[in-house]
Amino acid sequence: MKVRDVQHAVLPQTTVEERSRQGAVVALRRLLNAKVRPRNVEIYDSEAAPAFAERHGRRPQSEEEIREAFLMAPSYRLWSAANRSAQEMIWVSVGQPIYRDLDRMEAVTEELMHSPARRGSLTLDPSYDPSPEVADVDIHLQPGGYGMDRGENDVVAGALYELGGNVFSFGQGIGRGDSKAGVILRLLEEAFTGFKPARMLDIGCSAGAASAAYAAHWPDVEVHALDLGAGMLRYAHARAESLGVAVHFHQMDASSLTFEDDSFDLVVSHNLMHEIGEEKRQAMIRESFRVVRPGGVVIHQDVAIRNPPTLVHQVERDWDTHWNGEVHWATYATADLKADMIAAGFPADTVIEHDLAALSGMMNNRWYAISGRKPGQDNNG
């Protein structure tokens, strides 16, 4: 189950034409990201900086001026407009089959959620008002955002996330055999030899792909997962049940967990840090320290956009902040995450930043992770 396009009953049943349309978007995005985007820094030197100098009589000196210069370059503007259009095309290509097949998907969801044979659980909090810094943003332009909830049995947010995420990832050159959970399981084997949790927590689980992968890898481990959107969580729960794995899903804010102290042996998050602001990120890390048991391990994994070689690379990478609904992209990329972990209570000598190779796909695809271990007796499960 450590692959990106797992088949299950809650997925929309797509037609040949719909799959072809999604394939075309993948091909376009691969062209824009693998062939065109790597030239943006060259374009800065050949077009952007000279245009800025002609207008201002000097080269750009700050992030704002470098960004202004980029927008003065016709080649960069062409790539930027095409990349934005391709991102919007993702949601058209996956939205059509979802809404066409939605009645069946919701009926399957209802059946799976209430089946007497269900393995996991879903706990929604009707009083919870999803955090506006996440729920009020169409992150990476996903229509309705992560917090969208259209009522009983609604699963649109989760379906958009999984299908849209697959088209996005394949368009980045990420292979079908890659998996964020798989990368972390490999890290645990290599860096925490002999460690196995009895109870684990996945913070910010979205559509539940990683959560289900952990449950499939460790069928005897009690897996809990949380996110803020009811529609996202219904989908995640039904997805896990369809795959025959036990995951306990909770509607909860990552920065204010309701679990007791020392509740889990392993706490993970995947691609969460770049979706939340500094205060919420630091609170989430403090909470992960609070709920992990002495000797337990915490790993926060995310995209590898940190430590660019130059300020020009940093500004180019920051395109997503301004044009792709990734409000906290730069905040995450420039954060001192080791300081956050140490401030939360992790001993400095246990806090490690990891540069992780993807399991499959393009050779240059990487993931970032930061890990820490709570002081106390080693826990091997």
Protein backbone atom coordinates (compact mmCIF):
# COMPACT_ATOMS: atom_id res chain seq x y z
CA MET A 1 0.00 0.00 0.00
CA LYS A 2 3.07 2.24 -0.07
CA VAL A 3 2.22 3.61 -3.53
CA ARG A 4 0.55 6.77 -4.77
CA ASP A 5 -2.36 5.42 -6.79
CA VAL A 6 -3.91 2.79 -4.54
CA GLN A 7 -7.29 1.63 -5.87
CA HIS A 8 -10.24 1.56 -3.47
CA ALA A 9 -14.03 1.82 -3.47
CA VAL A 10 -14.30 5.52 -2.64
CA LEU A 11 -12.33 6.67 -5.69
CA PRO A 12 -14.46 7.98 -8.57
CA GLN A 13 -14.87 5.57 -11.45
CA THR A 14 -13.19 7.49 -14.25
CA THR A 15 -13.80 7.16 -17.97
CA VAL A 16 -11.12 6.71 -20.61
CA GLU A 17 -11.56 10.35 -21.61
CA GLU A 18 -11.19 11.56 -18.02
CA ARG A 19 -8.02 9.53 -17.51
CA SER A 20 -6.67 10.87 -20.79
CA ARG A 21 -7.35 14.43 -19.68
CA GLN A 22 -5.53 13.84 -16.39
CA GLY A 23 -2.62 12.31 -18.30
CA ALA A 24 -2.41 15.40 -20.48
CA VAL A 25 -2.19 17.62 -17.39
CA VAL A 26 0.55 15.40 -15.97
CA ALA A 27 2.50 15.68 -19.23
CA LEU A 28 2.10 19.46 -19.32
CA ARG A 29 3.25 19.85 -15.73
CA ARG A 30 6.26 17.60 -16.30
CA LEU A 31 7.25 19.79 -19.24
CA LEU A 32 6.86 22.97 -17.19
CA ASN A 33 8.62 21.65 -14.09
CA ALA A 34 11.35 19.41 -15.50
CA LYS A 35 12.22 21.23 -18.71
CA VAL A 36 11.18 24.88 -18.40
CA ARG A 37 11.38 25.81 -14.72
CA PRO A 38 15.06 24.87 -14.26
CA ARG A 39 15.88 27.69 -16.69
CA ASN A 40 14.25 30.38 -14.52
CA VAL A 41 17.49 31.24 -12.70
CA GLU A 42 19.27 31.57 -16.05
CA ILE A 43 16.41 33.80 -17.24
CA TYR A 44 16.95 35.95 -14.18
CA ASP A 45 20.54 36.62 -15.26
CA SER A 46 19.80 37.03 -18.97
CA GLU A 47 16.46 38.91 -18.89
CA ALA A 48 15.22 39.85 -15.42
CA ALA A 49 18.23 41.52 -13.80
CA PRO A 50 19.16 43.48 -16.96
CA ALA A 51 15.57 44.75 -17.32
CA PHE A 52 15.56 45.85 -13.68
CA ALA A 53 18.94 47.57 -14.09
CA GLU A 54 17.75 49.41 -17.19
CA ARG A 55 14.77 50.78 -15.26
CA HIS A 56 16.47 51.50 -11.91
CA GLY A 57 20.12 52.00 -12.83
CA ARG A 58 21.33 49.14 -10.59
CA ARG A 59 20.86 45.41 -10.05
CA PRO A 60 18.17 44.06 -7.66
CA GLN A 61 19.30 43.92 -4.04
CA SER A 62 16.40 42.48 -2.00
CA GLU A 63 13.82 39.70 -2.25
CA GLU A 64 11.18 42.21 -3.32
CA GLU A 65 13.41 43.65 -6.02
CA ILE A 66 14.39 40.20 -7.30
CA ARG A 67 10.70 39.30 -7.50
CA GLU A 68 10.01 42.55 -9.38
CA ALA A 69 12.84 41.73 -11.76
CA PHE A 70 11.51 38.23 -12.44
CA LEU A 71 8.16 39.73 -13.42
CA MET A 72 9.91 42.01 -15.89
CA ALA A 73 11.21 38.98 -17.84
CA PRO A 74 8.82 37.81 -20.62
CA SER A 75 10.10 34.21 -20.49
CA TYR A 76 9.48 33.98 -16.74
CA ARG A 77 6.00 35.51 -17.05
CA LEU A 78 5.15 32.97 -19.76
CA TRP A 79 6.25 30.08 -17.53
CA SER A 80 4.42 31.54 -14.52
CA ALA A 81 1.15 31.96 -16.42
CA ALA A 82 1.40 28.47 -17.89
CA ASN A 83 2.21 26.92 -14.50
CA ARG A 84 -0.76 28.66 -12.86
CA SER A 85 -3.04 27.46 -15.68
CA ALA A 86 -1.72 23.91 -15.37
CA GLN A 87 -2.44 23.96 -11.63
CA GLU A 88 -6.02 25.08 -12.29
CA MET A 89 -6.35 22.33 -14.91
CA ILE A 90 -5.58 19.72 -12.24
CA TRP A 91 -8.80 20.53 -10.43
CA VAL A 92 -10.90 20.53 -13.60
CA SER A 93 -9.48 17.14 -14.60
CA VAL A 94 -10.26 15.50 -11.24
CA GLY A 95 -13.36 17.51 -10.32
CA GLN A 96 -15.39 16.32 -13.28
CA PRO A 97 -15.23 12.60 -12.45
CA ILE A 98 -15.70 13.27 -8.72
CA TYR A 99 -18.92 15.24 -9.13
CA ARG A 100 -20.20 12.90 -11.84
CA ASP A 101 -19.72 9.85 -9.60
CA LEU A 102 -20.46 11.55 -6.29
CA ASP A 103 -23.77 9.84 -5.51
CA ARG A 104 -22.12 6.41 -5.69
CA MET A 105 -19.08 7.60 -3.72
CA GLU A 106 -21.24 9.00 -0.91
CA ALA A 107 -23.35 5.81 -0.79
CA VAL A 108 -20.20 3.70 -0.50
CA THR A 109 -18.89 6.04 2.19
CA GLU A 110 -22.07 5.71 4.24
CA GLU A 111 -21.98 1.92 3.95
CA LEU A 112 -18.32 1.68 4.95
CA MET A 113 -18.63 4.13 7.86
CA HIS A 114 -21.56 2.21 9.37
CA SER A 115 -20.48 -1.32 8.53
CA PRO A 116 -20.56 -3.69 11.51
CA ALA A 117 -17.28 -5.08 10.17
CA ARG A 118 -15.43 -1.74 10.25
CA ARG A 119 -11.96 -1.91 11.73
CA GLY A 120 -11.27 1.72 12.60
CA SER A 121 -13.33 4.70 13.71
CA LEU A 122 -14.19 8.32 12.92
CA THR A 123 -14.75 10.96 15.60
CA LEU A 124 -16.05 14.31 14.35
CA ASP A 125 -16.46 17.37 16.57
CA PRO A 126 -19.55 19.38 15.56
CA SER A 127 -18.40 22.27 17.77
CA TYR A 128 -14.99 22.54 16.11
CA ASP A 129 -14.50 25.54 13.84
CA PRO A 130 -11.59 24.70 11.53
CA SER A 131 -8.63 27.04 11.82
CA PRO A 132 -9.13 29.88 9.31
CA GLU A 133 -5.43 30.10 8.45
CA VAL A 134 -5.87 26.68 6.82
CA ALA A 135 -9.59 26.27 6.18
CA ASP A 136 -10.08 29.71 4.61
CA VAL A 137 -7.32 29.17 2.03
CA ASP A 138 -7.63 27.14 -1.17
CA ILE A 139 -4.22 25.58 -0.59
CA HIS A 140 -2.50 24.77 -3.91
CA LEU A 141 -5.76 26.08 -5.41
CA GLN A 142 -7.84 23.07 -4.27
CA PRO A 143 -11.46 24.26 -4.66
CA GLY A 144 -13.09 24.74 -1.26
CA GLY A 145 -9.86 24.02 0.59
CA TYR A 146 -9.09 21.35 3.14
CA GLY A 147 -11.92 22.33 5.48
CA MET A 148 -14.78 22.06 2.98
CA ASP A 149 -17.75 20.15 4.40
CA ARG A 150 -20.93 19.89 2.30
CA GLY A 151 -22.89 17.91 4.87
CA GLU A 152 -23.59 14.32 5.87
CA ASN A 153 -21.54 11.73 3.93
CA ASP A 154 -19.67 14.47 2.02
CA VAL A 155 -16.24 13.34 0.80
CA VAL A 156 -15.43 15.89 -1.91
CA ALA A 157 -12.48 17.51 -0.08
CA GLY A 158 -10.79 14.15 0.44
CA ALA A 159 -11.41 12.98 -3.11
CA LEU A 160 -10.06 16.23 -4.55
CA TYR A 161 -7.00 15.96 -2.34
CA GLU A 162 -6.16 12.37 -3.29
CA LEU A 163 -6.84 12.59 -7.02
CA GLY A 164 -5.51 16.12 -7.38
CA GLY A 165 -2.46 15.19 -5.34
CA ASN A 166 -1.73 12.25 -7.63
CA VAL A 167 -1.93 14.39 -10.78
CA PHE A 168 0.23 17.05 -9.10
CA SER A 169 2.83 14.55 -7.89
CA PHE A 170 3.13 12.68 -11.18
CA GLY A 171 3.52 16.06 -12.85
CA GLN A 172 6.49 16.72 -10.55
CA GLY A 173 8.14 13.51 -11.67
CA ILE A 174 7.32 11.65 -8.44
CA GLY A 175 6.97 7.94 -9.15
CA ARG A 176 3.94 5.79 -8.42
CA GLY A 177 6.07 3.72 -6.09
CA ASP A 178 6.95 6.71 -3.92
CA SER A 179 5.18 7.31 -0.62
CA LYS A 180 5.75 9.74 2.22
CA ALA A 181 4.94 6.99 4.72
CA GLY A 182 7.33 4.66 2.90
CA VAL A 183 10.13 7.22 3.14
CA ILE A 184 9.58 7.57 6.91
CA LEU A 185 9.36 3.80 7.43
CA ARG A 186 12.73 3.52 5.66
CA LEU A 187 14.13 6.28 7.88
CA LEU A 188 12.92 4.49 11.01
CA GLU A 189 14.61 1.28 9.89
CA GLU A 190 17.89 3.06 9.15
CA ALA A 191 18.11 5.64 11.94
CA PHE A 192 16.08 4.04 14.76
CA THR A 193 17.12 0.40 14.53
CA GLY A 194 14.76 -1.92 16.38
CA PHE A 195 12.17 0.76 17.06
CA LYS A 196 8.54 -0.22 16.58
CA PRO A 197 5.57 1.64 18.07
CA ALA A 198 2.60 0.11 19.79
CA ARG A 199 0.51 3.27 19.28
CA MET A 200 1.16 6.06 16.79
CA LEU A 201 -0.34 9.39 15.67
CA ASP A 202 -0.41 10.96 12.21
CA ILE A 203 -0.98 14.74 12.55
CA GLY A 204 -2.56 16.48 9.56
CA CYS A 205 -3.49 13.23 7.81
CA SER A 206 -5.52 14.82 4.96
CA ALA A 207 -7.05 12.00 2.85
CA GLY A 208 -5.41 9.35 5.02
CA ALA A 209 -3.00 7.77 2.53
CA ALA A 210 -0.03 7.76 4.92
CA SER A 211 -2.18 6.71 7.88
CA ALA A 212 -3.49 3.69 5.97
CA ALA A 213 0.02 2.81 4.79
CA TYR A 214 1.28 2.71 8.39
CA ALA A 215 -1.67 0.55 9.42
CA ALA A 216 -1.01 -1.84 6.54
CA HIS A 217 2.72 -2.03 7.35
CA TRP A 218 2.09 -2.56 11.08
CA PRO A 219 -1.31 -4.32 11.38
CA ASP A 220 -0.82 -4.81 15.12
CA VAL A 221 -0.11 -1.10 15.80
CA GLU A 222 -2.93 1.19 16.98
CA VAL A 223 -2.91 4.00 14.42
CA HIS A 224 -4.59 7.35 15.12
CA ALA A 225 -4.81 10.25 12.68
CA LEU A 226 -6.26 13.75 12.70
CA ASP A 227 -7.14 16.63 10.46
CA LEU A 228 -9.42 19.66 10.57
CA GLY A 229 -11.99 19.01 7.81
CA ALA A 230 -15.00 16.69 8.24
CA GLY A 231 -15.24 16.05 4.49
CA MET A 232 -11.55 15.17 4.36
CA LEU A 233 -11.86 12.82 7.34
CA ARG A 234 -14.98 11.00 6.09
CA TYR A 235 -13.10 10.21 2.91
CA ALA A 236 -10.00 9.11 4.83
CA HIS A 237 -12.05 6.84 7.09
CA ALA A 238 -14.00 5.24 4.24
CA ARG A 239 -10.79 4.86 2.26
CA ALA A 240 -9.08 2.99 5.09
CA GLU A 241 -12.11 0.76 5.63
CA SER A 242 -12.24 -0.04 1.92
CA LEU A 243 -8.58 -1.09 2.08
CA GLY A 244 -9.25 -3.26 5.14
CA VAL A 245 -6.96 -1.42 7.57
CA ALA A 246 -7.73 -0.01 11.01
CA VAL A 247 -7.18 3.72 11.52
CA HIS A 248 -8.88 5.89 14.14
CA PHE A 249 -9.55 9.34 12.67
CA HIS A 250 -10.23 12.49 14.73
CA GLN A 251 -11.32 16.02 13.85
CA MET A 252 -8.86 18.10 15.82
CA ASP A 253 -6.54 21.08 15.60
CA ALA A 254 -2.87 20.14 15.27
CA SER A 255 -1.86 22.92 17.65
CA SER A 256 -4.26 21.88 20.42
CA LEU A 257 -4.52 18.11 20.76
CA THR A 258 -7.00 16.55 23.17
CA PHE A 259 -4.91 13.42 23.75
CA GLU A 260 -3.33 12.90 27.16
CA ASP A 261 0.37 13.37 27.86
CA ASP A 262 2.66 10.48 26.86
CA SER A 263 -0.02 8.80 24.72
CA PHE A 264 1.96 7.60 21.67
CA ASP A 265 5.25 5.89 20.88
CA LEU A 266 5.52 7.53 17.45
CA VAL A 267 4.17 10.87 16.21
CA VAL A 268 4.51 11.88 12.56
CA SER A 269 3.31 14.59 10.22
CA HIS A 270 3.54 14.75 6.45
CA ASN A 271 3.69 18.00 4.45
CA LEU A 272 1.95 19.82 7.29
CA MET A 273 4.57 22.36 8.32
CA HIS A 274 4.37 24.31 5.06
CA GLU A 275 0.56 24.59 5.37
CA ILE A 276 0.51 26.38 8.74
CA GLY A 277 1.97 29.61 10.12
CA GLU A 278 4.81 29.97 12.56
CA GLU A 279 2.77 30.10 15.78
CA LYS A 280 0.66 27.08 14.86
CA ARG A 281 3.72 25.15 13.66
CA GLN A 282 5.57 25.78 16.92
CA ALA A 283 2.47 24.83 18.94
CA MET A 284 2.08 21.65 16.86
CA ILE A 285 5.69 20.68 17.59
CA ARG A 286 5.18 21.36 21.30
CA GLU A 287 2.05 19.18 21.24
CA SER A 288 3.90 16.38 19.44
CA PHE A 289 6.48 16.45 22.24
CA ARG A 290 3.77 16.45 24.91
CA VAL A 291 1.82 13.46 23.57
CA VAL A 292 4.81 11.23 22.72
CA ARG A 293 5.96 8.86 25.46
CA PRO A 294 9.45 8.96 27.03
CA GLY A 295 11.77 7.24 24.58
CA GLY A 296 9.28 7.84 21.77
CA VAL A 297 10.09 9.29 18.36
CA VAL A 298 8.66 12.33 16.58
CA ILE A 299 9.24 12.87 12.84
CA HIS A 300 7.89 15.84 10.88
CA GLN A 301 8.36 15.35 7.12
CA ASP A 302 7.84 17.96 4.42
CA VAL A 303 8.87 19.18 0.99
CA ALA A 304 12.56 19.74 0.28
CA ILE A 305 12.56 23.47 -0.47
CA ARG A 306 14.83 24.59 2.36
CA ASN A 307 18.40 25.95 2.14
CA PRO A 308 18.47 27.28 -1.45
CA PRO A 309 21.96 28.14 -2.76
CA THR A 310 21.22 31.84 -3.47
CA LEU A 311 18.62 34.51 -2.79
CA VAL A 312 17.58 34.30 -6.43
CA HIS A 313 16.85 30.58 -6.02
CA GLN A 314 14.88 31.39 -2.85
CA VAL A 315 12.67 33.94 -4.63
CA GLU A 316 12.14 31.63 -7.60
CA ARG A 317 11.13 28.81 -5.26
CA ASP A 318 8.70 31.17 -3.52
CA TRP A 319 6.43 31.32 -6.58
CA ASP A 320 3.94 29.07 -4.76
CA THR A 321 3.39 31.64 -2.00
CA HIS A 322 2.09 34.22 -4.43
CA TRP A 323 0.44 32.17 -7.18
CA ASN A 324 -0.45 28.74 -5.79
CA GLY A 325 -2.29 29.34 -2.52
CA GLU A 326 0.68 28.22 -0.41
CA VAL A 327 0.48 31.09 2.06
CA HIS A 328 3.10 29.70 4.46
CA TRP A 329 5.52 28.28 1.85
CA ALA A 330 8.31 30.78 2.56
CA THR A 331 7.62 30.79 6.31
CA TYR A 332 8.34 27.06 6.41
CA ALA A 333 11.28 27.25 4.01
CA THR A 334 13.17 29.81 6.11
CA ALA A 335 12.18 28.60 9.60
CA ASP A 336 14.70 27.42 12.18
CA LEU A 337 13.00 24.07 12.76
CA LYS A 338 15.82 22.70 14.93
CA ALA A 339 15.25 25.63 17.30
CA ASP A 340 11.52 24.87 17.29
CA MET A 341 12.17 21.24 18.24
CA ILE A 342 14.63 22.13 21.00
CA ALA A 343 12.27 24.80 22.38
CA ALA A 344 9.51 22.17 22.51
CA GLY A 345 11.68 20.01 24.80
CA PHE A 346 13.61 17.66 22.54
CA PRO A 347 17.27 17.37 23.60
CA ALA A 348 19.50 19.04 21.02
CA ASP A 349 21.56 15.89 20.48
CA THR A 350 18.41 13.98 19.39
CA VAL A 351 17.20 16.57 16.87
CA ILE A 352 18.33 15.63 13.36
CA GLU A 353 17.45 17.11 9.97
CA HIS A 354 17.25 14.51 7.21
CA ASP A 355 17.66 14.88 3.46
CA LEU A 356 15.74 11.87 2.15
CA ALA A 357 15.71 10.38 -1.32
CA ALA A 358 12.30 9.55 -2.77
CA LEU A 359 11.49 5.86 -3.12
CA SER A 360 10.91 6.17 -6.86
CA GLY A 361 10.58 8.70 -9.65
CA MET A 362 13.08 11.28 -10.87
CA MET A 363 16.55 10.90 -9.35
CA ASN A 364 16.60 14.45 -7.95
CA ASN A 365 13.35 14.13 -6.02
CA ARG A 366 14.00 14.56 -2.29
CA TRP A 367 12.03 14.88 0.94
CA TYR A 368 12.91 16.81 4.09
CA ALA A 369 12.34 15.53 7.62
CA ILE A 370 13.28 16.53 11.13
CA SER A 371 13.25 14.03 13.98
CA GLY A 372 13.60 14.10 17.73
CA ARG A 373 13.35 11.70 20.63
CA LYS A 374 11.76 12.41 23.99
CA PRO A 375 14.07 11.80 26.96
CA GLY A 376 13.39 8.61 28.85
CA GLN A 377 13.63 4.87 28.57
CA ASP A 378 14.04 3.60 25.00
CA ASN A 379 10.77 2.26 23.64
CA ASN A 380 10.91 -0.60 21.16
CA GLY A 381 7.18 -1.21 21.26
